[in-house]
N, C-alpha and C. Protein backbone atom coordinates (compact mmCIF):
# COMPACT_ATOMS: atom_id res chain seq x y z
N UNK A 1 42.29 16.19 -23.87
CA UNK A 1 41.88 14.72 -23.62
C UNK A 1 41.66 14.74 -22.03
N UNK A 2 42.24 15.65 -21.31
CA UNK A 2 41.92 15.75 -20.05
C UNK A 2 40.47 15.97 -19.73
N UNK A 3 39.93 17.20 -20.65
CA UNK A 3 38.60 17.70 -20.58
C UNK A 3 37.51 16.78 -20.80
N UNK A 4 37.95 15.76 -21.78
CA UNK A 4 36.89 14.55 -22.15
C UNK A 4 36.67 13.84 -20.90
N UNK A 5 37.68 13.40 -20.36
CA UNK A 5 38.01 12.64 -19.11
C UNK A 5 36.91 13.07 -17.95
N UNK A 6 37.15 14.37 -17.81
CA UNK A 6 36.40 15.29 -16.67
C UNK A 6 34.99 15.05 -17.14
N UNK A 7 34.61 15.32 -18.21
CA UNK A 7 33.28 15.28 -18.66
C UNK A 7 32.58 13.96 -18.54
N UNK A 8 33.29 12.81 -18.87
CA UNK A 8 32.87 11.67 -18.57
C UNK A 8 32.83 11.23 -17.27
N UNK A 9 33.67 11.68 -16.39
CA UNK A 9 33.64 11.32 -14.88
C UNK A 9 32.49 12.21 -14.36
N UNK A 10 32.21 13.49 -14.78
CA UNK A 10 31.03 14.35 -14.12
C UNK A 10 29.94 13.78 -14.67
N UNK A 11 29.43 13.29 -15.74
CA UNK A 11 28.44 12.56 -16.41
C UNK A 11 28.19 11.53 -15.48
N UNK A 12 29.22 10.70 -15.14
CA UNK A 12 28.98 9.31 -14.34
C UNK A 12 28.39 9.70 -12.87
N UNK A 13 28.89 11.05 -12.36
CA UNK A 13 28.61 11.45 -10.97
C UNK A 13 27.09 11.81 -11.14
N UNK A 14 26.70 12.50 -12.19
CA UNK A 14 25.27 13.14 -12.19
C UNK A 14 24.50 11.82 -12.37
N UNK A 15 24.74 10.80 -13.12
CA UNK A 15 23.81 9.44 -13.01
C UNK A 15 23.77 8.61 -11.67
N UNK A 16 24.98 8.90 -11.04
CA UNK A 16 25.16 8.18 -9.79
C UNK A 16 24.33 8.98 -8.69
N UNK A 17 24.30 10.31 -8.95
CA UNK A 17 23.33 11.13 -7.91
C UNK A 17 21.82 10.76 -8.41
N UNK A 18 21.48 10.81 -9.52
CA UNK A 18 20.24 10.44 -10.05
C UNK A 18 19.73 9.07 -9.50
N UNK A 19 20.66 7.88 -9.41
CA UNK A 19 20.42 6.74 -8.91
C UNK A 19 20.06 6.73 -7.30
N UNK A 20 20.70 7.73 -6.71
CA UNK A 20 20.76 7.94 -5.34
C UNK A 20 19.28 8.69 -4.89
N UNK A 21 18.88 9.53 -5.91
CA UNK A 21 17.53 10.10 -5.74
C UNK A 21 16.48 9.02 -5.99
N UNK A 22 16.74 8.20 -6.96
CA UNK A 22 15.72 7.11 -7.22
C UNK A 22 15.64 6.28 -5.93
N UNK A 23 16.68 5.77 -5.51
CA UNK A 23 16.69 4.93 -4.34
C UNK A 23 15.83 5.58 -3.38
N UNK A 24 16.17 6.71 -2.90
CA UNK A 24 15.59 7.49 -2.04
C UNK A 24 14.01 7.68 -2.21
N UNK A 25 13.79 8.02 -3.46
CA UNK A 25 12.39 8.01 -3.67
C UNK A 25 11.63 6.70 -3.64
N UNK A 26 12.22 5.58 -3.93
CA UNK A 26 11.65 4.15 -3.59
C UNK A 26 11.63 4.02 -2.12
N UNK A 27 12.43 4.29 -1.51
CA UNK A 27 12.42 4.08 0.19
C UNK A 27 11.14 4.93 0.66
N UNK A 28 11.22 6.14 0.24
CA UNK A 28 10.05 6.95 0.69
C UNK A 28 8.75 6.38 0.40
N UNK A 29 8.55 5.82 -0.89
CA UNK A 29 7.39 5.24 -1.34
C UNK A 29 6.96 4.02 -0.54
N UNK A 30 8.09 3.16 -0.11
CA UNK A 30 7.96 2.11 0.70
C UNK A 30 7.49 2.39 2.14
N UNK A 31 7.90 3.63 2.56
CA UNK A 31 7.74 4.13 3.98
C UNK A 31 6.35 4.57 3.99
N UNK A 32 5.77 5.18 2.97
CA UNK A 32 4.46 5.70 2.67
C UNK A 32 3.55 4.43 2.64
N UNK A 33 3.73 3.48 2.08
CA UNK A 33 2.88 2.17 1.86
C UNK A 33 2.89 1.66 3.37
N UNK A 34 3.85 1.46 4.01
CA UNK A 34 3.99 1.02 5.30
C UNK A 34 3.16 1.80 6.28
N UNK A 35 3.34 3.05 6.02
CA UNK A 35 2.44 4.11 7.04
C UNK A 35 0.92 4.08 6.61
N UNK A 36 0.65 3.85 5.39
CA UNK A 36 -0.93 3.49 5.08
C UNK A 36 -1.36 2.14 5.67
N UNK A 37 -0.46 1.17 5.55
CA UNK A 37 -0.95 -0.04 6.05
C UNK A 37 -0.99 0.02 7.56
N UNK A 38 -0.09 0.71 8.30
CA UNK A 38 -0.26 0.72 9.67
C UNK A 38 -1.59 1.54 10.09
N UNK A 39 -1.82 2.63 9.36
CA UNK A 39 -3.22 3.35 9.48
C UNK A 39 -4.26 2.62 9.37
N UNK A 40 -4.34 1.61 8.39
CA UNK A 40 -5.27 0.92 8.32
C UNK A 40 -5.67 -0.28 9.47
N UNK A 41 -4.51 -0.79 9.89
CA UNK A 41 -4.69 -1.65 10.89
C UNK A 41 -5.04 -0.94 12.40
N UNK A 42 -4.58 0.24 12.39
CA UNK A 42 -5.16 1.04 13.56
C UNK A 42 -6.70 1.40 13.43
N UNK A 43 -7.08 1.82 12.28
CA UNK A 43 -8.42 1.89 12.18
C UNK A 43 -9.36 0.65 12.39
N UNK A 44 -8.66 -0.22 11.77
CA UNK A 44 -9.77 -1.68 12.15
C UNK A 44 -9.76 -2.03 13.37
N UNK A 45 -8.62 -1.69 14.26
CA UNK A 45 -8.57 -2.02 15.52
C UNK A 45 -9.32 -1.29 16.33
N UNK A 46 -9.44 0.04 15.98
CA UNK A 46 -10.45 0.93 16.75
C UNK A 46 -11.87 0.60 16.38
N UNK A 47 -12.18 0.13 15.18
CA UNK A 47 -13.47 -0.30 14.56
C UNK A 47 -13.80 -1.60 15.72
N UNK A 48 -12.97 -2.48 15.80
CA UNK A 48 -13.21 -3.63 16.56
C UNK A 48 -13.65 -3.24 18.09
N UNK A 49 -13.13 -2.25 18.46
CA UNK A 49 -13.48 -2.00 19.80
C UNK A 49 -14.48 -0.97 20.20
N UNK A 50 -14.90 0.03 19.11
CA UNK A 50 -15.65 1.05 19.55
C UNK A 50 -17.02 0.75 19.86
N UNK A 51 -17.74 -0.40 19.29
CA UNK A 51 -19.13 -0.59 19.80
C UNK A 51 -19.08 -1.06 21.31
N UNK A 52 -18.16 -1.91 21.68
CA UNK A 52 -17.81 -2.03 23.17
C UNK A 52 -17.55 -0.69 24.01
N UNK A 53 -16.99 0.36 23.40
CA UNK A 53 -16.57 1.37 24.25
C UNK A 53 -17.85 2.27 24.26
N UNK A 54 -18.75 2.23 23.31
CA UNK A 54 -20.02 2.93 23.42
C UNK A 54 -20.81 2.28 24.45
N UNK A 55 -20.82 0.93 24.50
CA UNK A 55 -21.73 0.34 25.44
C UNK A 55 -21.44 0.46 26.77
N UNK A 56 -20.03 0.63 27.13
CA UNK A 56 -19.68 0.96 28.45
C UNK A 56 -19.87 2.49 28.67
N UNK A 57 -19.86 3.30 27.91
CA UNK A 57 -20.00 4.67 28.20
C UNK A 57 -21.60 4.89 28.52
N UNK A 58 -22.50 4.08 27.56
CA UNK A 58 -23.85 4.03 27.87
C UNK A 58 -24.33 3.44 29.18
N UNK A 59 -23.54 2.49 29.65
CA UNK A 59 -23.81 1.97 31.04
C UNK A 59 -23.60 2.91 32.12
N UNK A 60 -22.23 3.63 31.92
CA UNK A 60 -21.87 4.78 32.89
C UNK A 60 -22.89 5.91 33.05
N UNK A 61 -23.49 6.37 31.68
CA UNK A 61 -24.47 7.31 31.78
C UNK A 61 -25.78 6.74 32.56
N UNK A 62 -26.09 5.45 32.32
CA UNK A 62 -27.30 4.84 32.99
C UNK A 62 -27.03 5.09 34.55
N UNK A 63 -25.90 4.63 34.81
CA UNK A 63 -25.55 4.59 36.28
C UNK A 63 -25.56 6.03 37.05
N UNK A 64 -25.16 6.98 36.16
CA UNK A 64 -25.15 8.37 36.63
C UNK A 64 -26.68 8.79 36.71
N UNK A 65 -27.42 8.32 35.78
CA UNK A 65 -28.99 8.74 35.71
C UNK A 65 -29.67 8.10 37.02
N UNK A 66 -29.22 6.78 37.21
CA UNK A 66 -29.98 6.03 38.44
C UNK A 66 -29.41 6.79 39.71
N UNK A 67 -28.24 7.13 39.84
CA UNK A 67 -27.87 8.23 40.96
C UNK A 67 -28.70 9.38 41.04
N UNK A 68 -28.77 9.97 39.84
CA UNK A 68 -29.63 11.29 39.72
C UNK A 68 -31.08 11.08 40.32
N UNK A 69 -31.62 10.05 40.22
CA UNK A 69 -32.92 9.70 40.50
C UNK A 69 -33.06 9.41 41.90
N UNK A 70 -31.99 9.22 42.61
CA UNK A 70 -31.92 8.99 44.07
C UNK A 70 -32.66 10.05 44.83
N UNK A 71 -33.75 9.76 45.80
CA UNK A 71 -34.28 10.81 46.47
C UNK A 71 -33.26 11.56 47.26
N UNK A 72 -32.32 10.88 47.80
CA UNK A 72 -31.27 11.60 48.67
C UNK A 72 -30.42 12.65 47.77
N UNK A 73 -30.25 12.37 46.43
CA UNK A 73 -29.53 13.20 45.65
C UNK A 73 -30.42 14.38 45.28
N UNK A 74 -31.79 13.91 44.83
CA UNK A 74 -32.69 15.07 44.45
C UNK A 74 -32.95 16.14 45.46
N UNK A 75 -32.92 15.72 46.64
CA UNK A 75 -33.10 16.66 47.69
C UNK A 75 -31.99 17.47 48.20
N UNK A 76 -30.77 17.31 47.60
CA UNK A 76 -29.60 17.97 47.77
C UNK A 76 -29.04 18.85 46.43
N UNK A 77 -29.44 19.93 46.36
CA UNK A 77 -29.25 20.85 45.19
C UNK A 77 -27.75 20.66 44.70
N UNK A 78 -26.88 20.77 45.60
CA UNK A 78 -25.38 20.77 45.11
C UNK A 78 -24.95 19.44 44.49
N UNK A 79 -25.33 18.24 45.46
CA UNK A 79 -25.10 17.09 44.66
C UNK A 79 -25.98 16.90 43.41
N UNK A 80 -27.07 17.14 43.31
CA UNK A 80 -27.84 16.90 42.07
C UNK A 80 -27.25 17.53 40.96
N UNK A 81 -26.66 18.98 41.10
CA UNK A 81 -25.89 19.65 40.11
C UNK A 81 -24.87 19.00 39.74
N UNK A 82 -23.95 18.47 40.72
CA UNK A 82 -22.68 17.68 40.35
C UNK A 82 -22.97 16.46 39.54
N UNK A 83 -24.02 15.59 39.90
CA UNK A 83 -24.42 14.52 38.91
C UNK A 83 -24.96 14.98 37.81
N UNK A 84 -25.57 16.11 37.57
CA UNK A 84 -26.24 16.46 36.32
C UNK A 84 -24.94 16.91 35.42
N UNK A 85 -23.84 17.48 36.06
CA UNK A 85 -22.67 17.81 35.10
C UNK A 85 -21.91 16.44 34.62
N UNK A 86 -22.01 15.49 35.65
CA UNK A 86 -21.35 14.11 35.30
C UNK A 86 -22.16 13.44 34.06
N UNK A 87 -23.58 13.64 34.18
CA UNK A 87 -24.39 12.96 33.14
C UNK A 87 -24.01 13.65 31.74
N UNK A 88 -23.95 15.06 31.86
CA UNK A 88 -23.48 15.73 30.42
C UNK A 88 -22.22 15.34 30.00
N UNK A 89 -21.34 15.18 30.84
CA UNK A 89 -20.02 14.60 30.26
C UNK A 89 -20.07 13.39 29.81
N UNK A 90 -20.96 12.47 30.22
CA UNK A 90 -20.96 11.05 29.84
C UNK A 90 -21.69 11.01 28.54
N UNK A 91 -22.88 12.04 28.29
CA UNK A 91 -23.41 12.21 27.16
C UNK A 91 -22.53 12.56 26.14
N UNK A 92 -21.63 13.67 26.22
CA UNK A 92 -20.84 14.13 25.32
C UNK A 92 -19.76 12.96 24.94
N UNK A 93 -19.15 12.37 25.85
CA UNK A 93 -18.47 11.08 25.54
C UNK A 93 -19.15 10.05 24.49
N UNK A 94 -20.43 9.93 24.85
CA UNK A 94 -21.16 8.96 24.09
C UNK A 94 -21.28 9.55 22.68
N UNK A 95 -21.71 10.79 22.49
CA UNK A 95 -21.95 11.64 21.25
C UNK A 95 -20.52 11.56 20.42
N UNK A 96 -19.32 11.78 20.93
CA UNK A 96 -18.09 11.65 20.54
C UNK A 96 -17.56 10.43 19.91
N UNK A 97 -18.12 9.28 20.76
CA UNK A 97 -17.71 7.86 20.32
C UNK A 97 -18.66 7.54 18.90
N UNK A 98 -19.99 7.89 19.06
CA UNK A 98 -20.76 7.77 17.64
C UNK A 98 -20.19 8.41 16.47
N UNK A 99 -19.79 9.76 16.66
CA UNK A 99 -19.24 10.43 15.55
C UNK A 99 -18.04 9.70 15.10
N UNK A 100 -17.07 9.37 16.01
CA UNK A 100 -15.73 8.59 15.85
C UNK A 100 -16.24 7.53 14.99
N UNK A 101 -17.16 6.56 15.44
CA UNK A 101 -17.60 5.46 14.68
C UNK A 101 -18.09 5.80 13.07
N UNK A 102 -18.81 6.81 13.06
CA UNK A 102 -19.28 6.97 11.93
C UNK A 102 -17.97 7.38 10.80
N UNK A 103 -17.21 8.10 11.55
CA UNK A 103 -15.95 8.60 10.64
C UNK A 103 -15.28 7.37 10.16
N UNK A 104 -14.92 6.73 11.21
CA UNK A 104 -14.24 5.32 10.83
C UNK A 104 -14.95 4.45 9.73
N UNK A 105 -16.25 4.33 9.81
CA UNK A 105 -17.01 3.67 8.90
C UNK A 105 -16.89 4.21 7.62
N UNK A 106 -16.84 5.55 7.37
CA UNK A 106 -16.87 6.19 6.09
C UNK A 106 -15.55 5.95 5.44
N UNK A 107 -14.27 6.05 6.31
CA UNK A 107 -12.94 5.83 5.71
C UNK A 107 -12.93 4.34 5.34
N UNK A 108 -13.55 3.42 6.03
CA UNK A 108 -13.50 2.17 5.58
C UNK A 108 -14.08 1.74 4.17
N UNK A 109 -15.18 2.48 3.97
CA UNK A 109 -16.05 2.34 2.56
C UNK A 109 -15.31 3.35 1.63
């Protein structure tokens, strides 16, 4: 009879462990949903600001271009080269922002 009691208790423990595993799985699913919702909110927030960030970067590039055209800069090879590198960096930033915008739009749809 003691053997039957042990089996019954052991069976209860297995069921209890299964319940714990199920509870853990439900918690993990809930965390996954929360993570997805947070990612969507972050994407939407980034989409809300990316056009302004692109406009700011384009203004910066235009300002560098205006400096580049300054006769004092054009006559100084070292300064001209430095401004040219700054323009290249500003253009690269703009290109990255447009690529990110496209990526965000694709994820949205």
